[in-house]
Structure formats: structure tokens, C-alpha cells
Amino acid sequence: MHPVLFDFGTVFGFGPIRLHIYGVMIALAFLVGMQLAAREARRVDTSPNRDLDKFILDLCFWILIVSMIGSRVYFIMVNWGTEYSRDPMKMFRIWEGGLVFYGGLLSAIGFSVYYSWRKGHDFFMVADMLVPFVALGAMFGRLGCFASGCCWGHAVDPDFPLAVQFPEGSLAFSSMVRNGIIGADAHWTVHIHPVQLYDSFGELIIFSILMLMRARKRFHGQVFLVFLFFYPLWRSIVETFRGDKERGVYDFLGLAKLSVAQITSICVAIAALIILFALRGRFTKVAEPTLPAPTKA
């Protein structure tokens, strides 16, 4: 765990100024995803203007802004009663952490539907191009979580071969001290599951599956909806290993205690199935291949 990549100290009276690995991973995810999505747009674009790659780059820029806002708003909503209602100004102290993947994902989807409609593009075609890189970006993001010591797992036996400990100064350490799990004089957390690495590995597998499926899809939207079904399943499994109470845990219909992410996962997976059923007419024909526009001899 090494949350700070570079510490620039105080610069022109401002500081300390630090470059955090989590932020670097998020930026890397967006840059890589944008470039790969734009390359895919250039490959499949058959329109006369051949401007799909420009549309994708513009959309990704707005997704970056909208998803950051959405992920922050989602976190504040989940933790309003425990943290932000007592200190509303904490909403603006983003350097203290507090982003939720689902908040960013759902807000990005909503904005992409609107933006695609305004620009005259098929949202499902666009979503199929982008969604594999959402999984890739989530993989980078979880590596950033591991470096920062957030989104940690619950306690395990010290002999567990994958057990990890986070040092004092990490978010996991501070939370365990605050909740009385360890004493203030401790130097390390208890041994816990490396949930961030579990999730990162799963995202890499999902990314690989989506890339293979994208080349063989039968209709626009298939890859996107498959992601919205299988990611929630994987996320729900990973959540059973989570130990951070900040994510919110509630009674679900009196049947079980589920985290907010698991409840959201159930809703997203059901919605994906409903949309798949609504688009069932597209199952009957293979999506027409998109070939590069002919060039003059």
C-alpha cells in the first residue's frame, strides 16, 4: 500500500501538494479507455462524415465529468446520516475520499443516453463500443483502491495465504481505530481479505469476455447488457468479502443484510434482463457488419 506517488511539498505557499496513486489510476483508465474506444469508432464508422471517433471523444470527456459528480453524490447519499448531515462542508473535501463506482456508472449511462440521442447516434451501438473499457477502467480503479487502503475486506485468519494488512495512515487503519477494532497505538490493521485485488481480477476477466463478445455480437446493445448483468453478479459476490461499513449495510425486505452496492446490483441486473427481453426482436438477425468506407482508386 503506497497511496502517494509523488509529494511535491509546499509550492508557492500552497500545499502540501501530493499526487495520489488512486487519482493516477483513474486518469489512466479514462485516457486508455478513450483512445481505445476512439480507435474502435474509426474502425466501424461507415458514415459519410466519418466523425464517430470525434463524437466518442467528446462523449468520453463529458462522461469523465458526469461520472465523477455522480460517484460523489452517490457516496454522500449513502453516508449522509452518518457523516455529512453533521458536517455538510465535508461534501466538498473530496481529497478525503468518497467515490462510488455505481454512482459514476449510472450517471454516465443516463448522460450517454441523452447525448447520443441529441447527436443522432444509436446509444446501444455506442454503449457496446465503450462498455468493455468501463470494465478495464474499473480494474485500474480497484488497483488504486488497494494502493490507497480503501474498500477493504473483512478480517481473516493470519495464516490465510492472501491476507493483507494496511499500515497506520490508511483509510482502513483509521476506520478500524474509529470502530474500536484495533487500538490507537497499533501500527497495522488486522489481517483482511484483499478485496480490491479480487475485484480487479474479476474486472479483467469481464473485460476479456466483452472484447471477445463484441466481435461476435448479434445486435447492438448485447455487449452492454451482458455487462450490466454479469458485473452486478460479480460485484455481489465480492461484496460478501467487504469489511468497510462506510458503504452502507441494510436489511433487504427482511430477508438478508445487504450492502447498498448489492441492492443496486440486484436492480441493475433485473433492469438489464428486462431490456434484453424488450429487445428480443433483435435476436432474430445478426447485426449487420460495419466495414470501412470505400476509398477512391
Protein backbone atom coordinates (compact mmCIF):
# COMPACT_ATOMS: atom_id res chain seq x y z
CA MET A 1 0.00 0.00 0.00
CA HIS A 2 1.52 3.28 -1.16
CA PRO A 3 -1.18 5.94 -1.63
CA VAL A 4 1.06 8.87 -2.64
CA LEU A 5 3.06 8.58 -5.84
CA PHE A 6 4.81 11.95 -5.51
CA ASP A 7 4.90 14.50 -2.70
CA PHE A 8 5.80 17.95 -4.02
CA GLY A 9 5.67 19.55 -0.61
CA THR A 10 4.64 23.21 -0.47
CA VAL A 11 4.64 25.03 -3.81
CA PHE A 12 4.30 28.84 -3.85
CA GLY A 13 2.76 28.75 -0.41
CA PHE A 14 0.22 26.07 -1.31
CA GLY A 15 0.40 22.57 -0.01
CA PRO A 16 1.28 20.04 0.80
CA ILE A 17 0.69 19.03 -2.83
CA ARG A 18 0.58 15.29 -3.41
CA LEU A 19 -0.07 13.11 -6.44
CA HIS A 20 -2.13 10.13 -5.26
CA ILE A 21 -1.97 6.77 -6.98
CA TYR A 22 -5.75 6.47 -6.91
CA GLY A 23 -6.10 9.63 -8.99
CA VAL A 24 -3.39 8.47 -11.36
CA MET A 25 -5.18 5.15 -11.87
CA ILE A 26 -8.50 6.87 -12.58
CA ALA A 27 -6.85 9.23 -15.06
CA LEU A 28 -5.01 6.34 -16.71
CA ALA A 29 -8.24 4.37 -17.01
CA PHE A 30 -10.02 7.25 -18.75
CA LEU A 31 -7.14 8.04 -21.11
CA VAL A 32 -6.65 4.43 -22.16
CA GLY A 33 -10.39 3.83 -22.48
CA MET A 34 -10.93 6.98 -24.55
CA GLN A 35 -8.18 6.16 -27.02
CA LEU A 36 -9.22 2.53 -27.46
CA ALA A 37 -12.87 3.49 -27.89
CA ALA A 38 -11.96 6.15 -30.46
CA ARG A 39 -9.88 3.61 -32.38
CA GLU A 40 -12.83 1.21 -32.40
CA ALA A 41 -15.08 4.03 -33.64
CA ARG A 42 -12.73 4.70 -36.55
CA ARG A 43 -12.76 1.00 -37.40
CA VAL A 44 -16.54 0.62 -37.57
CA ASP A 45 -17.55 4.08 -38.83
CA THR A 46 -19.23 3.92 -42.25
CA SER A 47 -20.97 7.29 -42.13
CA PRO A 48 -20.21 9.82 -44.90
CA ASN A 49 -18.59 12.23 -42.47
CA ARG A 50 -16.66 9.55 -40.59
CA ASP A 51 -16.88 11.60 -37.39
CA LEU A 52 -17.87 8.86 -34.95
CA ASP A 53 -14.45 8.95 -33.29
CA LYS A 54 -14.86 12.68 -32.59
CA PHE A 55 -18.29 12.01 -31.08
CA ILE A 56 -16.80 9.27 -28.86
CA LEU A 57 -14.00 11.53 -27.63
CA ASP A 58 -16.47 14.34 -26.86
CA LEU A 59 -18.76 11.90 -25.06
CA CYS A 60 -15.88 10.49 -23.00
CA PHE A 61 -14.89 13.98 -21.90
CA TRP A 62 -18.39 14.62 -20.58
CA ILE A 63 -18.60 11.15 -19.06
CA LEU A 64 -15.45 11.94 -17.07
CA ILE A 65 -17.11 14.99 -15.52
CA VAL A 66 -20.57 13.49 -15.06
CA SER A 67 -19.32 10.20 -13.58
CA MET A 68 -17.10 11.97 -11.05
CA ILE A 69 -20.03 14.08 -9.89
CA GLY A 70 -22.36 11.07 -9.84
CA SER A 71 -19.96 8.88 -7.90
CA ARG A 72 -19.50 11.63 -5.30
CA VAL A 73 -23.24 12.33 -4.97
CA TYR A 74 -23.97 8.61 -4.56
CA PHE A 75 -21.40 8.35 -1.74
CA ILE A 76 -22.82 11.40 0.02
CA MET A 77 -26.35 9.99 -0.21
CA VAL A 78 -25.26 6.66 1.28
CA ASN A 79 -23.34 8.31 4.11
CA TRP A 80 -25.49 11.38 4.71
CA GLY A 81 -26.84 10.31 8.08
CA THR A 82 -23.52 9.11 9.48
CA GLU A 83 -21.16 11.80 8.23
CA TYR A 84 -22.40 14.63 6.06
CA SER A 85 -25.51 15.65 7.98
CA ARG A 86 -23.26 16.58 10.92
CA ASP A 87 -20.65 18.29 8.74
CA PRO A 88 -22.14 19.37 5.38
CA MET A 89 -18.91 21.11 4.33
CA LYS A 90 -17.30 17.69 4.19
CA MET A 91 -19.12 17.20 0.88
CA PHE A 92 -16.54 19.45 -0.74
CA ARG A 93 -13.46 17.87 0.85
CA ILE A 94 -13.00 15.36 -1.95
CA TRP A 95 -9.37 14.76 -1.01
CA GLU A 96 -10.67 12.80 1.98
CA GLY A 97 -12.09 10.18 -0.40
CA GLY A 98 -15.63 9.15 -1.14
CA LEU A 99 -16.43 7.92 -4.66
CA VAL A 100 -18.79 5.06 -5.54
CA PHE A 101 -18.44 3.13 -8.80
CA TYR A 102 -22.18 2.60 -9.25
CA GLY A 103 -22.87 6.30 -8.87
CA GLY A 104 -20.44 7.06 -11.67
CA LEU A 105 -21.69 4.21 -13.86
CA LEU A 106 -25.39 5.03 -13.60
CA SER A 107 -24.90 8.76 -14.12
CA ALA A 108 -22.63 8.08 -17.12
CA ILE A 109 -25.25 5.78 -18.67
CA GLY A 110 -28.01 8.34 -18.18
CA PHE A 111 -25.94 11.11 -19.72
CA SER A 112 -24.80 8.90 -22.61
CA VAL A 113 -28.40 8.08 -23.50
CA TYR A 114 -29.21 11.79 -23.67
CA TYR A 115 -26.03 12.79 -25.50
CA SER A 116 -26.34 10.00 -28.09
CA TRP A 117 -29.95 10.99 -28.76
CA ARG A 118 -29.03 14.66 -29.16
CA LYS A 119 -26.24 13.83 -31.61
CA GLY A 120 -28.26 11.31 -33.60
CA HIS A 121 -26.32 8.16 -32.69
CA ASP A 122 -27.62 4.75 -31.64
CA PHE A 123 -26.98 4.60 -27.90
CA PHE A 124 -26.71 0.81 -27.85
CA MET A 125 -24.10 0.82 -30.62
CA VAL A 126 -22.12 3.45 -28.72
CA ALA A 127 -22.51 1.57 -25.42
CA ASP A 128 -21.16 -1.63 -26.99
CA MET A 129 -18.04 0.25 -28.06
CA LEU A 130 -17.47 1.82 -24.65
CA VAL A 131 -18.53 -0.75 -22.08
CA PRO A 132 -15.51 -3.09 -22.32
CA PHE A 133 -13.36 -0.15 -21.32
CA VAL A 134 -15.63 0.57 -18.37
CA ALA A 135 -14.60 -2.85 -17.05
CA LEU A 136 -10.96 -2.08 -17.84
CA GLY A 137 -11.22 1.25 -16.06
CA ALA A 138 -12.77 -0.40 -13.02
CA MET A 139 -9.81 -2.78 -12.94
CA PHE A 140 -7.38 0.16 -12.76
CA GLY A 141 -9.59 1.88 -10.21
CA ARG A 142 -9.54 -1.08 -7.85
CA LEU A 143 -5.75 -1.19 -8.03
CA GLY A 144 -5.87 2.45 -6.96
CA CYS A 145 -8.18 1.45 -4.09
CA PHE A 146 -5.63 -1.13 -2.95
CA ALA A 147 -2.86 1.47 -3.06
CA SER A 148 -4.98 3.88 -1.01
CA GLY A 149 -6.19 1.31 1.51
CA CYS A 150 -9.90 1.91 0.87
CA CYS A 151 -12.72 -0.55 0.06
CA TRP A 152 -11.04 -3.15 2.25
CA GLY A 153 -12.13 -6.66 3.17
CA HIS A 154 -13.23 -8.24 6.42
CA ALA A 155 -10.88 -9.94 8.86
CA VAL A 156 -9.34 -13.32 8.11
CA ASP A 157 -7.02 -15.71 9.89
CA PRO A 158 -3.38 -14.53 9.76
CA ASP A 159 -2.48 -17.84 8.09
CA PHE A 160 -4.80 -17.16 5.15
CA PRO A 161 -2.43 -17.12 2.14
CA LEU A 162 -3.92 -13.97 0.57
CA ALA A 163 -4.28 -11.99 3.81
CA VAL A 164 -3.00 -8.41 3.82
CA GLN A 165 -2.55 -5.67 6.40
CA PHE A 166 -2.70 -1.92 5.89
CA PRO A 167 -0.45 0.47 7.85
CA GLU A 168 -1.39 3.42 10.01
CA GLY A 169 -2.37 6.37 7.87
CA SER A 170 -4.51 4.27 5.54
CA LEU A 171 -8.28 4.62 5.38
CA ALA A 172 -8.67 1.03 6.56
CA PHE A 173 -6.49 1.70 9.60
CA SER A 174 -8.33 4.92 10.53
CA SER A 175 -11.71 3.21 10.24
CA MET A 176 -10.66 0.27 12.40
CA VAL A 177 -9.37 2.61 15.10
CA ARG A 178 -12.59 4.64 14.95
CA ASN A 179 -14.72 1.49 15.25
CA GLY A 180 -12.65 0.02 18.08
CA ILE A 181 -11.37 -2.94 16.06
CA ILE A 182 -7.75 -2.02 16.81
CA GLY A 183 -6.20 0.31 19.35
CA ALA A 184 -4.88 3.76 18.57
CA ASP A 185 -1.38 2.55 19.45
CA ALA A 186 -1.43 -0.15 16.73
CA HIS A 187 0.69 0.16 13.63
CA TRP A 188 -1.16 -2.20 11.30
CA THR A 189 -4.72 -3.31 10.66
CA VAL A 190 -5.82 -6.84 11.41
CA HIS A 191 -5.33 -9.36 8.59
CA ILE A 192 -8.04 -8.84 5.96
CA HIS A 193 -9.14 -10.00 2.53
CA PRO A 194 -7.52 -8.10 -0.41
CA VAL A 195 -10.98 -7.43 -1.82
CA GLN A 196 -9.66 -4.74 -4.15
CA LEU A 197 -7.48 -7.31 -5.91
CA TYR A 198 -10.35 -9.80 -6.12
CA ASP A 199 -12.49 -7.17 -7.81
CA SER A 200 -9.67 -6.04 -10.10
CA PHE A 201 -9.05 -9.59 -11.29
CA GLY A 202 -12.75 -10.12 -11.95
CA GLU A 203 -12.94 -6.88 -13.95
CA LEU A 204 -10.06 -8.07 -16.12
CA ILE A 205 -11.91 -11.31 -16.86
CA ILE A 206 -15.11 -9.40 -17.67
CA PHE A 207 -13.17 -7.06 -19.96
CA SER A 208 -11.71 -10.03 -21.85
CA ILE A 209 -15.13 -11.64 -22.26
CA LEU A 210 -16.70 -8.40 -23.51
CA MET A 211 -13.94 -7.86 -26.06
CA LEU A 212 -14.46 -11.35 -27.45
CA MET A 213 -18.23 -10.90 -27.48
CA ARG A 214 -18.09 -7.53 -29.22
CA ALA A 215 -16.62 -9.13 -32.34
CA ARG A 216 -19.41 -11.74 -32.41
CA LYS A 217 -22.46 -9.85 -31.16
CA ARG A 218 -25.81 -10.39 -32.85
CA PHE A 219 -27.34 -6.97 -32.18
CA HIS A 220 -26.38 -3.56 -30.86
CA GLY A 221 -26.69 -3.40 -27.09
CA GLN A 222 -25.89 -7.06 -26.48
CA VAL A 223 -22.40 -6.43 -25.08
CA PHE A 224 -23.63 -3.54 -22.94
CA LEU A 225 -26.49 -5.52 -21.42
CA VAL A 226 -24.31 -8.57 -20.79
CA PHE A 227 -22.00 -6.32 -18.78
CA LEU A 228 -24.94 -4.90 -16.83
CA PHE A 229 -25.99 -8.43 -15.93
CA PHE A 230 -22.68 -10.12 -15.14
CA TYR A 231 -20.91 -7.23 -13.42
CA PRO A 232 -23.62 -6.99 -10.71
CA LEU A 233 -23.30 -10.74 -10.13
CA TRP A 234 -19.55 -10.47 -9.65
CA ARG A 235 -19.90 -7.34 -7.53
CA SER A 236 -22.43 -9.03 -5.27
CA ILE A 237 -20.01 -11.91 -4.67
CA VAL A 238 -17.11 -9.57 -3.93
CA GLU A 239 -19.27 -7.55 -1.53
CA THR A 240 -19.57 -10.59 0.75
CA PHE A 241 -15.84 -10.17 1.49
CA ARG A 242 -16.02 -6.43 2.17
CA GLY A 243 -15.37 -5.16 5.67
CA ASP A 244 -15.84 -1.40 5.36
CA LYS A 245 -19.08 -0.33 6.99
CA GLU A 246 -18.98 3.06 5.25
CA ARG A 247 -20.55 1.54 2.13
CA GLY A 248 -23.85 1.08 3.98
CA VAL A 249 -25.50 -2.20 5.01
CA TYR A 250 -29.26 -2.53 5.34
CA ASP A 251 -32.00 -5.13 5.80
CA PHE A 252 -33.34 -6.07 2.38
CA LEU A 253 -37.05 -6.94 2.50
CA GLY A 254 -36.43 -8.56 5.89
CA LEU A 255 -34.61 -11.42 4.16
CA ALA A 256 -30.93 -10.57 4.48
CA LYS A 257 -28.48 -7.81 5.28
CA LEU A 258 -27.20 -6.41 2.01
CA SER A 259 -24.86 -3.56 1.18
CA VAL A 260 -26.06 -0.65 -0.92
CA ALA A 261 -23.91 -2.00 -3.76
CA GLN A 262 -25.63 -5.40 -3.57
CA ILE A 263 -29.09 -3.81 -3.59
CA THR A 264 -28.06 -1.67 -6.55
CA SER A 265 -26.64 -4.77 -8.25
CA ILE A 266 -29.97 -6.57 -7.96
CA CYS A 267 -31.80 -3.62 -9.51
CA VAL A 268 -29.27 -3.21 -12.33
CA ALA A 269 -29.26 -6.93 -13.21
CA ILE A 270 -33.07 -7.06 -13.28
CA ALA A 271 -33.19 -3.94 -15.45
CA ALA A 272 -30.67 -5.49 -17.87
CA LEU A 273 -32.81 -8.63 -18.20
CA ILE A 274 -35.95 -6.56 -18.81
CA ILE A 275 -34.24 -4.55 -21.55
CA LEU A 276 -32.87 -7.74 -23.12
CA PHE A 277 -36.42 -9.09 -23.21
CA ALA A 278 -37.69 -5.83 -24.70
CA LEU A 279 -35.06 -6.07 -27.44
CA ARG A 280 -35.76 -9.74 -28.12
CA GLY A 281 -36.70 -8.92 -31.72
CA ARG A 282 -33.06 -8.15 -32.41
CA PHE A 283 -32.11 -11.74 -31.56
CA THR A 284 -33.56 -12.95 -34.83
CA LYS A 285 -30.91 -11.38 -37.05
CA VAL A 286 -27.20 -10.87 -36.91
CA ALA A 287 -26.08 -7.28 -36.57
CA GLU A 288 -25.03 -6.00 -39.97
CA PRO A 289 -21.25 -5.78 -40.28
CA THR A 290 -19.79 -2.31 -40.29
CA LEU A 291 -16.99 -2.01 -42.83
CA PRO A 292 -14.70 0.93 -43.58
CA ALA A 293 -15.98 3.31 -46.25
CA PRO A 294 -14.61 2.58 -49.73
CA THR A 295 -11.68 4.64 -50.89
CA LYS A 296 -11.09 6.00 -54.36
CA ALA A 297 -8.75 4.04 -56.58
